[in-house]
PDB file of N, CA and C in Angstrom:
ATOM      1  N   MET A   1      26.577   6.086   4.328  1.00  0.00           N
ATOM      2  CA  MET A   1      25.970   5.357   3.233  1.00  0.00           C
ATOM      3  C   MET A   1      24.703   6.101   2.814  1.00  0.00           C
ATOM      4  N   ARG A   2      24.594   6.352   1.538  1.00  0.00           N
ATOM      5  CA  ARG A   2      23.428   7.081   1.051  1.00  0.00           C
ATOM      6  C   ARG A   2      22.267   6.130   0.823  1.00  0.00           C
ATOM      7  N   ARG A   3      21.064   6.629   0.938  1.00  0.00           N
ATOM      8  CA  ARG A   3      19.868   5.804   0.819  1.00  0.00           C
ATOM      9  C   ARG A   3      19.599   5.489  -0.652  1.00  0.00           C
ATOM     10  N   ASP A   4      19.394   4.240  -0.949  1.00  0.00           N
ATOM     11  CA  ASP A   4      19.133   3.785  -2.314  1.00  0.00           C
ATOM     12  C   ASP A   4      17.644   3.469  -2.438  1.00  0.00           C
ATOM     13  N   ARG A   5      16.962   4.179  -3.312  1.00  0.00           N
ATOM     14  CA  ARG A   5      15.514   3.998  -3.453  1.00  0.00           C
ATOM     15  C   ARG A   5      15.145   2.615  -3.950  1.00  0.00           C
ATOM     16  N   TRP A   6      15.925   2.055  -4.861  1.00  0.00           N
ATOM     17  CA  TRP A   6      15.623   0.723  -5.382  1.00  0.00           C
ATOM     18  C   TRP A   6      15.768  -0.333  -4.295  1.00  0.00           C
ATOM     19  N   PHE A   7      16.758  -0.163  -3.416  1.00  0.00           N
ATOM     20  CA  PHE A   7      16.944  -1.110  -2.320  1.00  0.00           C
ATOM     21  C   PHE A   7      15.757  -1.042  -1.363  1.00  0.00           C
ATOM     22  N   VAL A   8      15.343   0.165  -1.023  1.00  0.00           N
ATOM     23  CA  VAL A   8      14.199   0.333  -0.122  1.00  0.00           C
ATOM     24  C   VAL A   8      12.943  -0.253  -0.755  1.00  0.00           C
ATOM     25  N   LEU A   9      12.738   0.002  -2.031  1.00  0.00           N
ATOM     26  CA  LEU A   9      11.579  -0.541  -2.730  1.00  0.00           C
ATOM     27  C   LEU A   9      11.595  -2.069  -2.731  1.00  0.00           C
ATOM     28  N   SER A  10      12.756  -2.665  -2.964  1.00  0.00           N
ATOM     29  CA  SER A  10      12.827  -4.123  -3.021  1.00  0.00           C
ATOM     30  C   SER A  10      12.595  -4.749  -1.654  1.00  0.00           C
ATOM     31  N   VAL A  11      13.085  -4.123  -0.597  1.00  0.00           N
ATOM     32  CA  VAL A  11      12.856  -4.662   0.747  1.00  0.00           C
ATOM     33  C   VAL A  11      11.379  -4.552   1.120  1.00  0.00           C
ATOM     34  N   ILE A  12      10.768  -3.426   0.825  1.00  0.00           N
ATOM     35  CA  ILE A  12       9.339  -3.257   1.106  1.00  0.00           C
ATOM     36  C   ILE A  12       8.521  -4.228   0.262  1.00  0.00           C
ATOM     37  N   GLY A  13       8.866  -4.376  -1.004  1.00  0.00           N
ATOM     38  CA  GLY A  13       8.149  -5.309  -1.873  1.00  0.00           C
ATOM     39  C   GLY A  13       8.279  -6.746  -1.410  1.00  0.00           C
ATOM     40  N   ALA A  14       9.487  -7.147  -0.989  1.00  0.00           N
ATOM     41  CA  ALA A  14       9.683  -8.508  -0.491  1.00  0.00           C
ATOM     42  C   ALA A  14       8.874  -8.735   0.784  1.00  0.00           C
ATOM     43  N   ALA A  15       8.823  -7.746   1.650  1.00  0.00           N
ATOM     44  CA  ALA A  15       8.042  -7.882   2.879  1.00  0.00           C
ATOM     45  C   ALA A  15       6.549  -8.015   2.561  1.00  0.00           C
ATOM     46  N   LEU A  16       6.069  -7.228   1.608  1.00  0.00           N
ATOM     47  CA  LEU A  16       4.655  -7.323   1.224  1.00  0.00           C
ATOM     48  C   LEU A  16       4.337  -8.659   0.565  1.00  0.00           C
ATOM     49  N   MET A  17       5.250  -9.168  -0.238  1.00  0.00           N
ATOM     50  CA  MET A  17       5.022 -10.461  -0.874  1.00  0.00           C
ATOM     51  C   MET A  17       5.018 -11.582   0.160  1.00  0.00           C
ATOM     52  N   CYS A  18       5.886 -11.492   1.164  1.00  0.00           N
ATOM     53  CA  CYS A  18       5.871 -12.487   2.242  1.00  0.00           C
ATOM     54  C   CYS A  18       4.555 -12.430   2.995  1.00  0.00           C
ATOM     55  N   LEU A  19       4.096 -11.241   3.260  1.00  0.00           N
ATOM     56  CA  LEU A  19       2.822 -11.078   3.955  1.00  0.00           C
ATOM     57  C   LEU A  19       1.678 -11.651   3.133  1.00  0.00           C
ATOM     58  N   ALA A  20       1.705 -11.419   1.835  1.00  0.00           N
ATOM     59  CA  ALA A  20       0.645 -11.924   0.963  1.00  0.00           C
ATOM     60  C   ALA A  20       0.708 -13.450   0.835  1.00  0.00           C
ATOM     61  N   CYS A  21       1.897 -14.021   0.882  1.00  0.00           N
ATOM     62  CA  CYS A  21       2.031 -15.470   0.768  1.00  0.00           C
ATOM     63  C   CYS A  21       1.646 -16.179   2.056  1.00  0.00           C
ATOM     64  N   LEU A  22       1.890 -15.545   3.172  1.00  0.00           N
ATOM     65  CA  LEU A  22       1.690 -16.217   4.453  1.00  0.00           C
ATOM     66  C   LEU A  22       0.312 -16.015   5.051  1.00  0.00           C
ATOM     67  N   THR A  23      -0.454 -15.082   4.577  1.00  0.00           N
ATOM     68  CA  THR A  23      -1.777 -14.825   5.151  1.00  0.00           C
ATOM     69  C   THR A  23      -2.840 -14.874   4.066  1.00  0.00           C
ATOM     70  N   PRO A  24      -4.040 -15.099   4.453  1.00  0.00           N
ATOM     71  CA  PRO A  24      -5.126 -15.145   3.467  1.00  0.00           C
ATOM     72  C   PRO A  24      -5.653 -13.757   3.078  1.00  0.00           C
ATOM     73  N   VAL A  25      -4.879 -12.723   3.346  1.00  0.00           N
ATOM     74  CA  VAL A  25      -5.320 -11.370   3.020  1.00  0.00           C
ATOM     75  C   VAL A  25      -5.574 -11.225   1.520  1.00  0.00           C
ATOM     76  N   ALA A  26      -4.677 -11.789   0.719  1.00  0.00           N
ATOM     77  CA  ALA A  26      -4.837 -11.686  -0.733  1.00  0.00           C
ATOM     78  C   ALA A  26      -6.121 -12.365  -1.191  1.00  0.00           C
ATOM     79  N   VAL A  27      -6.451 -13.488  -0.592  1.00  0.00           N
ATOM     80  CA  VAL A  27      -7.678 -14.206  -0.958  1.00  0.00           C
ATOM     81  C   VAL A  27      -8.897 -13.368  -0.584  1.00  0.00           C
ATOM     82  N   LEU A  28      -8.876 -12.769   0.592  1.00  0.00           N
ATOM     83  CA  LEU A  28     -10.010 -11.945   1.014  1.00  0.00           C
ATOM     84  C   LEU A  28     -10.171 -10.712   0.127  1.00  0.00           C
ATOM     85  N   VAL A  29      -9.062 -10.070  -0.191  1.00  0.00           N
ATOM     86  CA  VAL A  29      -9.131  -8.860  -1.023  1.00  0.00           C
ATOM     87  C   VAL A  29      -9.621  -9.202  -2.424  1.00  0.00           C
ATOM     88  N   LEU A  30      -9.079 -10.256  -3.008  1.00  0.00           N
ATOM     89  CA  LEU A  30      -9.515 -10.639  -4.352  1.00  0.00           C
ATOM     90  C   LEU A  30     -10.989 -11.052  -4.359  1.00  0.00           C
ATOM     91  N   GLY A  31     -11.438 -11.733  -3.314  1.00  0.00           N
ATOM     92  CA  GLY A  31     -12.844 -12.103  -3.226  1.00  0.00           C
ATOM     93  C   GLY A  31     -13.744 -10.888  -3.062  1.00  0.00           C
ATOM     94  N   ALA A  32     -13.263  -9.902  -2.336  1.00  0.00           N
ATOM     95  CA  ALA A  32     -14.062  -8.702  -2.093  1.00  0.00           C
ATOM     96  C   ALA A  32     -14.222  -7.858  -3.354  1.00  0.00           C
ATOM     97  N   ILE A  33     -13.220  -7.867  -4.219  1.00  0.00           N
ATOM     98  CA  ILE A  33     -13.332  -7.048  -5.433  1.00  0.00           C
ATOM     99  C   ILE A  33     -13.794  -7.854  -6.645  1.00  0.00           C
ATOM    100  N   GLY A  34     -14.200  -9.102  -6.395  1.00  0.00           N
ATOM    101  CA  GLY A  34     -14.791  -9.886  -7.468  1.00  0.00           C
ATOM    102  C   GLY A  34     -13.803 -10.691  -8.294  1.00  0.00           C
ATOM    103  N   LEU A  35     -12.599 -10.834  -7.819  1.00  0.00           N
ATOM    104  CA  LEU A  35     -11.601 -11.613  -8.555  1.00  0.00           C
ATOM    105  C   LEU A  35     -11.227 -12.887  -7.806  1.00  0.00           C
ATOM    106  N   GLY A  36     -12.196 -13.480  -7.148  1.00  0.00           N
ATOM    107  CA  GLY A  36     -11.962 -14.680  -6.351  1.00  0.00           C
ATOM    108  C   GLY A  36     -11.492 -15.874  -7.174  1.00  0.00           C
ATOM    109  N   ALA A  37     -11.783 -15.900  -8.457  1.00  0.00           N
ATOM    110  CA  ALA A  37     -11.342 -17.003  -9.310  1.00  0.00           C
ATOM    111  C   ALA A  37      -9.825 -17.008  -9.481  1.00  0.00           C
ATOM    112  N   TRP A  38      -9.177 -15.900  -9.221  1.00  0.00           N
ATOM    113  CA  TRP A  38      -7.718 -15.828  -9.371  1.00  0.00           C
ATOM    114  C   TRP A  38      -6.972 -16.413  -8.189  1.00  0.00           C
ATOM    115  N   THR A  39      -7.658 -16.761  -7.117  1.00  0.00           N
ATOM    116  CA  THR A  39      -6.971 -17.217  -5.907  1.00  0.00           C
ATOM    117  C   THR A  39      -6.210 -18.514  -6.124  1.00  0.00           C
ATOM    118  N   GLY A  40      -6.637 -19.324  -7.057  1.00  0.00           N
ATOM    119  CA  GLY A  40      -5.914 -20.560  -7.348  1.00  0.00           C
ATOM    120  C   GLY A  40      -4.598 -20.312  -8.052  1.00  0.00           C
ATOM    121  N   ARG A  41      -4.435 -19.156  -8.629  1.00  0.00           N
ATOM    122  CA  ARG A  41      -3.223 -18.827  -9.381  1.00  0.00           C
ATOM    123  C   ARG A  41      -2.311 -17.844  -8.641  1.00  0.00           C
ATOM    124  N   LEU A  42      -2.572 -17.584  -7.385  1.00  0.00           N
ATOM    125  CA  LEU A  42      -1.764 -16.609  -6.649  1.00  0.00           C
ATOM    126  C   LEU A  42      -0.302 -17.017  -6.543  1.00  0.00           C
ATOM    127  N   ASP A  43      -0.043 -18.302  -6.348  1.00  0.00           N
ATOM    128  CA  ASP A  43       1.344 -18.756  -6.224  1.00  0.00           C
ATOM    129  C   ASP A  43       2.125 -18.539  -7.506  1.00  0.00           C
ATOM    130  N   LEU A  44       1.454 -18.592  -8.637  1.00  0.00           N
ATOM    131  CA  LEU A  44       2.144 -18.368  -9.907  1.00  0.00           C
ATOM    132  C   LEU A  44       2.609 -16.931 -10.069  1.00  0.00           C
ATOM    133  N   VAL A  45       1.991 -16.014  -9.334  1.00  0.00           N
ATOM    134  CA  VAL A  45       2.338 -14.600  -9.420  1.00  0.00           C
ATOM    135  C   VAL A  45       3.176 -14.158  -8.222  1.00  0.00           C
ATOM    136  N   LEU A  46       2.760 -14.534  -7.017  1.00  0.00           N
ATOM    137  CA  LEU A  46       3.400 -14.025  -5.813  1.00  0.00           C
ATOM    138  C   LEU A  46       4.809 -14.570  -5.595  1.00  0.00           C
ATOM    139  N   LEU A  47       5.026 -15.838  -5.852  1.00  0.00           N
ATOM    140  CA  LEU A  47       6.355 -16.401  -5.614  1.00  0.00           C
ATOM    141  C   LEU A  47       7.418 -15.835  -6.566  1.00  0.00           C
ATOM    142  N   PRO A  48       7.148 -15.692  -7.873  1.00  0.00           N
ATOM    143  CA  PRO A  48       8.147 -15.024  -8.718  1.00  0.00           C
ATOM    144  C   PRO A  48       8.370 -13.561  -8.332  1.00  0.00           C
ATOM    145  N   LEU A  49       7.317 -12.859  -7.916  1.00  0.00           N
ATOM    146  CA  LEU A  49       7.490 -11.487  -7.452  1.00  0.00           C
ATOM    147  C   LEU A  49       8.370 -11.441  -6.212  1.00  0.00           C
ATOM    148  N   LEU A  50       8.156 -12.358  -5.286  1.00  0.00           N
ATOM    149  CA  LEU A  50       8.982 -12.420  -4.082  1.00  0.00           C
ATOM    150  C   LEU A  50      10.430 -12.686  -4.445  1.00  0.00           C
ATOM    151  N   LEU A  51      10.664 -13.623  -5.317  1.00  0.00           N
ATOM    152  CA  LEU A  51      12.022 -13.934  -5.750  1.00  0.00           C
ATOM    153  C   LEU A  51      12.662 -12.732  -6.437  1.00  0.00           C
ATOM    154  N   GLY A  52      11.910 -12.046  -7.271  1.00  0.00           N
ATOM    155  CA  GLY A  52      12.443 -10.868  -7.954  1.00  0.00           C
ATOM    156  C   GLY A  52      12.816  -9.754  -6.993  1.00  0.00           C
ATOM    157  N   PHE A  53      11.975  -9.501  -5.999  1.00  0.00           N
ATOM    158  CA  PHE A  53      12.273  -8.466  -5.018  1.00  0.00           C
ATOM    159  C   PHE A  53      13.490  -8.829  -4.171  1.00  0.00           C
ATOM    160  N   VAL A  54      13.624 -10.101  -3.812  1.00  0.00           N
ATOM    161  CA  VAL A  54      14.785 -10.521  -3.012  1.00  0.00           C
ATOM    162  C   VAL A  54      16.059 -10.394  -3.825  1.00  0.00           C
ATOM    163  N   VAL A  55      16.023 -10.814  -5.084  1.00  0.00           N
ATOM    164  CA  VAL A  55      17.198 -10.689  -5.950  1.00  0.00           C
ATOM    165  C   VAL A  55      17.568  -9.222  -6.136  1.00  0.00           C
ATOM    166  N   LEU A  56      16.575  -8.361  -6.352  1.00  0.00           N
ATOM    167  CA  LEU A  56      16.844  -6.939  -6.498  1.00  0.00           C
ATOM    168  C   LEU A  56      17.447  -6.350  -5.225  1.00  0.00           C
ATOM    169  N   ALA A  57      16.955  -6.767  -4.064  1.00  0.00           N
ATOM    170  CA  ALA A  57      17.492  -6.269  -2.797  1.00  0.00           C
ATOM    171  C   ALA A  57      18.945  -6.686  -2.622  1.00  0.00           C
ATOM    172  N   VAL A  58      19.254  -7.930  -2.917  1.00  0.00           N
ATOM    173  CA  VAL A  58      20.639  -8.409  -2.776  1.00  0.00           C
ATOM    174  C   VAL A  58      21.552  -7.688  -3.760  1.00  0.00           C
ATOM    175  N   TYR A  59      21.098  -7.524  -4.980  1.00  0.00           N
ATOM    176  CA  TYR A  59      21.901  -6.845  -6.001  1.00  0.00           C
ATOM    177  C   TYR A  59      22.192  -5.398  -5.605  1.00  0.00           C
ATOM    178  N   ARG A  60      21.154  -4.662  -5.199  1.00  0.00           N
ATOM    179  CA  ARG A  60      21.349  -3.255  -4.833  1.00  0.00           C
ATOM    180  C   ARG A  60      22.180  -3.117  -3.564  1.00  0.00           C
ATOM    181  N   TYR A  61      22.039  -4.059  -2.619  1.00  0.00           N
ATOM    182  CA  TYR A  61      22.847  -4.012  -1.406  1.00  0.00           C
ATOM    183  C   TYR A  61      24.324  -4.194  -1.738  1.00  0.00           C
ATOM    184  N   ARG A  62      24.613  -5.156  -2.593  1.00  0.00           N
ATOM    185  CA  ARG A  62      26.008  -5.369  -2.999  1.00  0.00           C
ATOM    186  C   ARG A  62      26.549  -4.174  -3.766  1.00  0.00           C
ATOM    187  N   LEU A  63      25.718  -3.546  -4.579  1.00  0.00           N
ATOM    188  CA  LEU A  63      26.129  -2.359  -5.310  1.00  0.00           C
ATOM    189  C   LEU A  63      26.437  -1.214  -4.346  1.00  0.00           C
ATOM    190  N   MET A  64      25.588  -1.036  -3.329  1.00  0.00           N
ATOM    191  CA  MET A  64      25.819   0.020  -2.340  1.00  0.00           C
ATOM    192  C   MET A  64      27.086  -0.240  -1.528  1.00  0.00           C
ATOM    193  N   ARG A  65      27.300  -1.484  -1.135  1.00  0.00           N
ATOM    194  CA  ARG A  65      28.485  -1.825  -0.326  1.00  0.00           C
ATOM    195  C   ARG A  65      29.750  -1.651  -1.134  1.00  0.00           C
ATOM    196  N   GLY A  66      29.712  -1.948  -2.410  1.00  0.00           N
ATOM    197  CA  GLY A  66      30.889  -1.773  -3.262  1.00  0.00           C
ATOM    198  C   GLY A  66      31.219  -0.312  -3.489  1.00  0.00           C
ATOM    199  N   ARG A  67      30.217   0.537  -3.561  1.00  0.00           N
ATOM    200  CA  ARG A  67      30.409   1.958  -3.772  1.00  0.00           C
ATOM    201  C   ARG A  67      30.914   2.650  -2.513  1.00  0.00           C
ATOM    202  N   ALA A  68      30.571   2.117  -1.343  1.00  0.00           N
ATOM    203  CA  ALA A  68      30.954   2.740  -0.083  1.00  0.00           C
ATOM    204  C   ALA A  68      32.435   2.521   0.238  1.00  0.00           C
ATOM    205  N   ARG A  69      33.009   1.491  -0.296  1.00  0.00           N
ATOM    206  CA  ARG A  69      34.408   1.169   0.019  1.00  0.00           C
ATOM    207  C   ARG A  69      35.379   2.021  -0.698  1.00  0.00           C
TER     208      ARG A  69
END
């Protein structure tokens, strides 16, 4: 099976989004760079990004599995 860059990107992106959703790292980073007011809106951005990365990972995985057969 050949390595698919989009699949790798989506898995890494989904892992980073999970990390950002589950820990206060995003709040600390945004506060440190002066964007602390955005912390109330993080769920509006992070959850759709997580969903998009998961959908992309599933789509590319199915595409790779179909091509391998």
